[in-house]
Amino acid sequence: MLTALILVCSLASTPDLAACNEQNAVTVVRDPETFANPATCLMHGQAYVAETALGRDVSSDEAIKVLCVRGRKAAVASPAEAGSEAAPAVTAR
């Protein structure tokens, strides 16, 4: 199962968005739902962040990165527990 992980990344501290991860992101949010399909996970992750103030209030020096991570329950895992096992990322500015 996949969980969408939404990262708000500072382009000032991490100009290469590919290098943004849970440890250097300004904000980390997990979508509480799980998904079997990576495409569904990414689409729902984008929609989830778009419905929040976090998605609407992104400043010009920040970017949002959506990752789909495997095998973690959103309510249990903390950002420190996340590893590098992730499906492809989708980024939005």
C-alpha atoms as a PDB file:
ATOM      1  CA  MET A   1       0.000   0.000   0.000  1.00  0.00           C
ATOM      2  CA  LEU A   2       1.118   3.562  -0.690  1.00  0.00           C
ATOM      3  CA  THR A   3       0.685   6.722   1.349  1.00  0.00           C
ATOM      4  CA  ALA A   4       1.065  10.225  -0.112  1.00  0.00           C
ATOM      5  CA  LEU A   5       3.751  12.244   1.613  1.00  0.00           C
ATOM      6  CA  ILE A   6       3.559  16.002   0.973  1.00  0.00           C
ATOM      7  CA  LEU A   7       6.761  17.997   1.436  1.00  0.00           C
ATOM      8  CA  VAL A   8       6.957  21.792   1.431  1.00  0.00           C
ATOM      9  CA  CYS A   9      10.510  22.566   0.400  1.00  0.00           C
ATOM     10  CA  SER A  10      12.403  25.842   0.707  1.00  0.00           C
ATOM     11  CA  LEU A  11      14.032  26.652  -2.620  1.00  0.00           C
ATOM     12  CA  ALA A  12      16.435  28.942  -0.759  1.00  0.00           C
ATOM     13  CA  SER A  13      17.918  26.094   1.288  1.00  0.00           C
ATOM     14  CA  THR A  14      17.307  23.263  -1.218  1.00  0.00           C
ATOM     15  CA  PRO A  15      17.279  24.754  -4.749  1.00  0.00           C
ATOM     16  CA  ASP A  16      17.311  21.285  -6.324  1.00  0.00           C
ATOM     17  CA  LEU A  17      13.804  20.019  -5.596  1.00  0.00           C
ATOM     18  CA  ALA A  18      14.948  16.440  -6.196  1.00  0.00           C
ATOM     19  CA  ALA A  19      17.165  16.774  -3.098  1.00  0.00           C
ATOM     20  CA  CYS A  20      14.233  17.764  -0.881  1.00  0.00           C
ATOM     21  CA  ASN A  21      13.324  15.013   1.574  1.00  0.00           C
ATOM     22  CA  GLU A  22      11.612  14.595   4.953  1.00  0.00           C
ATOM     23  CA  GLN A  23      14.714  15.718   6.831  1.00  0.00           C
ATOM     24  CA  ASN A  24      15.203  19.057   5.037  1.00  0.00           C
ATOM     25  CA  ALA A  25      11.584  19.965   4.167  1.00  0.00           C
ATOM     26  CA  VAL A  26      10.001  22.955   5.881  1.00  0.00           C
ATOM     27  CA  THR A  27       6.748  21.036   6.412  1.00  0.00           C
ATOM     28  CA  VAL A  28       5.864  17.342   6.082  1.00  0.00           C
ATOM     29  CA  VAL A  29       2.246  16.151   5.846  1.00  0.00           C
ATOM     30  CA  ARG A  30       0.936  12.630   5.290  1.00  0.00           C
ATOM     31  CA  ASP A  31      -2.330  11.913   3.534  1.00  0.00           C
ATOM     32  CA  PRO A  32      -4.278   9.651   5.926  1.00  0.00           C
ATOM     33  CA  GLU A  33      -5.504   7.425   3.074  1.00  0.00           C
ATOM     34  CA  THR A  34      -3.608   4.529   1.512  1.00  0.00           C
ATOM     35  CA  PHE A  35      -3.593   3.554  -2.151  1.00  0.00           C
ATOM     36  CA  ALA A  36      -2.703   0.476  -4.194  1.00  0.00           C
ATOM     37  CA  ASN A  37      -1.847   2.359  -7.389  1.00  0.00           C
ATOM     38  CA  PRO A  38       1.011   4.945  -7.597  1.00  0.00           C
ATOM     39  CA  ALA A  39      -0.895   7.163 -10.034  1.00  0.00           C
ATOM     40  CA  THR A  40      -3.918   7.248  -7.745  1.00  0.00           C
ATOM     41  CA  CYS A  41      -1.684   8.000  -4.776  1.00  0.00           C
ATOM     42  CA  LEU A  42      -0.028  10.941  -6.547  1.00  0.00           C
ATOM     43  CA  MET A  43      -3.331  12.397  -7.773  1.00  0.00           C
ATOM     44  CA  HIS A  44      -4.926  12.123  -4.336  1.00  0.00           C
ATOM     45  CA  GLY A  45      -1.812  13.567  -2.696  1.00  0.00           C
ATOM     46  CA  GLN A  46      -1.997  16.621  -4.955  1.00  0.00           C
ATOM     47  CA  ALA A  47      -5.717  17.013  -4.313  1.00  0.00           C
ATOM     48  CA  TYR A  48      -5.207  16.586  -0.567  1.00  0.00           C
ATOM     49  CA  VAL A  49      -2.677  19.416  -0.361  1.00  0.00           C
ATOM     50  CA  ALA A  50      -4.732  21.626  -2.709  1.00  0.00           C
ATOM     51  CA  GLU A  51      -7.652  21.452  -0.273  1.00  0.00           C
ATOM     52  CA  THR A  52      -5.564  22.770   2.622  1.00  0.00           C
ATOM     53  CA  ALA A  53      -4.304  26.205   3.593  1.00  0.00           C
ATOM     54  CA  LEU A  54      -0.821  24.753   3.257  1.00  0.00           C
ATOM     55  CA  GLY A  55      -1.321  24.297  -0.483  1.00  0.00           C
ATOM     56  CA  ARG A  56      -2.908  27.700  -0.965  1.00  0.00           C
ATOM     57  CA  ASP A  57      -0.331  29.652   1.056  1.00  0.00           C
ATOM     58  CA  VAL A  58       2.907  28.421  -0.519  1.00  0.00           C
ATOM     59  CA  SER A  59       5.300  31.347  -0.923  1.00  0.00           C
ATOM     60  CA  SER A  60       7.290  32.054  -4.074  1.00  0.00           C
ATOM     61  CA  ASP A  61      10.476  30.629  -2.530  1.00  0.00           C
ATOM     62  CA  GLU A  62       8.810  27.307  -1.656  1.00  0.00           C
ATOM     63  CA  ALA A  63       7.717  24.321  -3.724  1.00  0.00           C
ATOM     64  CA  ILE A  64       5.545  21.313  -2.975  1.00  0.00           C
ATOM     65  CA  LYS A  65       6.745  17.791  -3.626  1.00  0.00           C
ATOM     66  CA  VAL A  66       4.424  14.784  -3.419  1.00  0.00           C
ATOM     67  CA  LEU A  67       5.944  11.355  -2.815  1.00  0.00           C
ATOM     68  CA  CYS A  68       4.182   8.046  -2.538  1.00  0.00           C
ATOM     69  CA  VAL A  69       5.856   5.915   0.100  1.00  0.00           C
ATOM     70  CA  ARG A  70       5.335   2.189   0.537  1.00  0.00           C
ATOM     71  CA  GLY A  71       4.270   0.212   3.546  1.00  0.00           C
ATOM     72  CA  ARG A  72       3.775   2.941   6.128  1.00  0.00           C
ATOM     73  CA  LYS A  73       0.585   3.795   7.900  1.00  0.00           C
ATOM     74  CA  ALA A  74      -0.007   7.550   7.945  1.00  0.00           C
ATOM     75  CA  ALA A  75      -1.274   7.601  11.515  1.00  0.00           C
ATOM     76  CA  VAL A  76       1.684   5.652  12.899  1.00  0.00           C
ATOM     77  CA  ALA A  77       4.827   6.675  11.037  1.00  0.00           C
ATOM     78  CA  SER A  78       6.745   9.823  11.899  1.00  0.00           C
ATOM     79  CA  PRO A  79       8.980  11.768   9.494  1.00  0.00           C
ATOM     80  CA  ALA A  80      12.076  10.408  11.254  1.00  0.00           C
ATOM     81  CA  GLU A  81      10.964   6.834  10.485  1.00  0.00           C
ATOM     82  CA  ALA A  82      10.778   7.395   6.734  1.00  0.00           C
ATOM     83  CA  GLY A  83      13.385   5.808   4.547  1.00  0.00           C
ATOM     84  CA  SER A  84      14.250   6.135   0.893  1.00  0.00           C
ATOM     85  CA  GLU A  85      11.647   3.659  -0.378  1.00  0.00           C
ATOM     86  CA  ALA A  86       9.330   5.823  -2.448  1.00  0.00           C
ATOM     87  CA  ALA A  87       7.445   5.774  -5.713  1.00  0.00           C
ATOM     88  CA  PRO A  88       8.172   8.510  -8.283  1.00  0.00           C
ATOM     89  CA  ALA A  89       7.600  12.070  -7.124  1.00  0.00           C
ATOM     90  CA  VAL A  90       5.372  14.728  -8.591  1.00  0.00           C
ATOM     91  CA  THR A  91       6.282  18.327  -7.955  1.00  0.00           C
ATOM     92  CA  ALA A  92       4.203  21.471  -8.142  1.00  0.00           C
ATOM     93  CA  ARG A  93       5.090  25.120  -7.901  1.00  0.00           C
END
